[in-house]
Amino acid sequence: MFVLILVTIIAAVMFHRKTAEKGYPSPRFWMYPLIVGNGILLFTIAVNALSESLLPEPRPVWFPLYSPSVDILALATFFAVIRKAWRQILQLPPRE
């Protein structure tokens, strides 16, 4: 999940640069990727911990693939949400 944290920080920096370029200095723009990234990260950690505690001790054969697949789906969800927000930022008119 280090990748998700790294991508979240990069997205926040890019959001800040683009909105500052257009004349919108509000911190709500660069905070959005941080909030979404941390929310998805916490949800992923909770899902992995819950699955560890609920499955019986002789783990199923597919269990070693479960955690990486949840992480990949979390990263894909993050990219989908951030892509939509990025498109909205690109559509903002320049502020005077």
Protein backbone atom coordinates (compact mmCIF):
# COMPACT_ATOMS: atom_id res chain seq x y z
CA MET A 1 0.00 0.00 0.00
CA PHE A 2 3.07 2.20 -0.11
CA VAL A 3 2.21 2.77 -3.76
CA LEU A 4 -1.19 4.21 -2.81
CA ILE A 5 0.41 6.60 -0.32
CA LEU A 6 2.98 7.72 -2.88
CA VAL A 7 0.40 8.24 -5.62
CA THR A 8 -1.82 10.14 -3.18
CA ILE A 9 0.98 12.59 -2.37
CA ILE A 10 1.85 13.05 -6.03
CA ALA A 11 -1.82 13.68 -6.88
CA ALA A 12 -2.12 16.26 -4.09
CA VAL A 13 0.92 18.12 -5.40
CA MET A 14 -0.40 18.06 -8.96
CA PHE A 15 -3.84 19.25 -7.86
CA HIS A 16 -2.22 22.12 -5.94
CA ARG A 17 -0.05 23.16 -8.88
CA LYS A 18 -2.88 23.10 -11.40
CA THR A 19 -5.35 24.99 -9.21
CA ALA A 20 -2.74 27.58 -8.23
CA GLU A 21 -1.98 28.02 -11.93
CA LYS A 22 -5.64 28.76 -12.58
CA GLY A 23 -5.90 31.13 -9.61
CA TYR A 24 -7.65 28.94 -7.03
CA PRO A 25 -5.44 28.91 -3.89
CA SER A 26 -7.96 27.03 -1.70
CA PRO A 27 -6.53 24.01 0.16
CA ARG A 28 -9.68 21.99 -0.50
CA PHE A 29 -8.39 21.09 -3.95
CA TRP A 30 -5.11 19.52 -2.83
CA MET A 31 -6.71 17.98 0.26
CA TYR A 32 -9.18 15.98 -1.83
CA PRO A 33 -6.65 13.36 -3.04
CA LEU A 34 -5.29 13.02 0.50
CA ILE A 35 -8.73 12.44 1.97
CA VAL A 36 -9.76 9.97 -0.72
CA GLY A 37 -6.43 8.12 -0.58
CA ASN A 38 -6.46 7.81 3.19
CA GLY A 39 -10.08 6.69 3.19
CA ILE A 40 -9.41 3.98 0.63
CA LEU A 41 -6.25 2.95 2.51
CA LEU A 42 -8.13 2.59 5.80
CA PHE A 43 -10.92 0.66 4.11
CA THR A 44 -8.40 -1.70 2.51
CA ILE A 45 -6.64 -2.29 5.82
CA ALA A 46 -9.98 -2.99 7.49
CA VAL A 47 -11.06 -5.43 4.76
CA ASN A 48 -7.77 -7.32 4.95
CA ALA A 49 -7.87 -7.49 8.76
CA LEU A 50 -11.49 -8.59 8.75
CA SER A 51 -10.84 -11.33 6.24
CA GLU A 52 -7.88 -12.55 8.30
CA SER A 53 -10.01 -12.80 11.41
CA LEU A 54 -13.12 -14.32 9.85
CA LEU A 55 -11.59 -17.09 7.76
CA PRO A 56 -10.91 -20.38 9.52
CA GLU A 57 -7.34 -21.39 10.34
CA PRO A 58 -6.73 -23.84 7.49
CA ARG A 59 -6.70 -21.02 4.96
CA PRO A 60 -8.17 -21.62 1.51
CA VAL A 61 -5.89 -22.09 -1.48
CA TRP A 62 -6.81 -18.71 -2.96
CA PHE A 63 -6.09 -16.77 0.23
CA PRO A 64 -2.50 -15.72 -0.65
CA LEU A 65 -3.93 -13.91 -3.70
CA TYR A 66 -6.69 -12.18 -1.73
CA SER A 67 -4.71 -9.35 -0.14
CA PRO A 68 -2.83 -8.30 -3.30
CA SER A 69 -6.05 -8.36 -5.31
CA VAL A 70 -7.77 -6.12 -2.73
CA ASP A 71 -4.81 -3.74 -2.91
CA ILE A 72 -4.96 -3.61 -6.71
CA LEU A 73 -8.71 -2.96 -6.65
CA ALA A 74 -8.18 -0.18 -4.09
CA LEU A 75 -5.56 1.43 -6.31
CA ALA A 76 -7.86 1.17 -9.35
CA THR A 77 -10.69 2.76 -7.37
CA PHE A 78 -8.40 5.59 -6.30
CA PHE A 79 -7.32 6.24 -9.88
CA ALA A 80 -10.95 6.28 -11.07
CA VAL A 81 -12.03 8.81 -8.43
CA ILE A 82 -8.98 11.02 -8.89
CA ARG A 83 -9.28 10.94 -12.68
CA LYS A 84 -12.81 12.30 -12.43
CA ALA A 85 -11.72 15.09 -10.06
CA TRP A 86 -8.73 15.92 -12.29
CA ARG A 87 -11.01 16.34 -15.29
CA GLN A 88 -13.18 18.71 -13.28
CA ILE A 89 -10.13 20.74 -12.28
CA LEU A 90 -9.04 20.99 -15.91
CA GLN A 91 -12.47 22.41 -16.77
CA LEU A 92 -12.21 25.21 -14.19
CA PRO A 93 -12.08 28.63 -15.84
CA PRO A 94 -9.04 30.77 -15.06
CA ARG A 95 -9.68 33.10 -12.15
CA GLU A 96 -8.62 36.73 -12.40
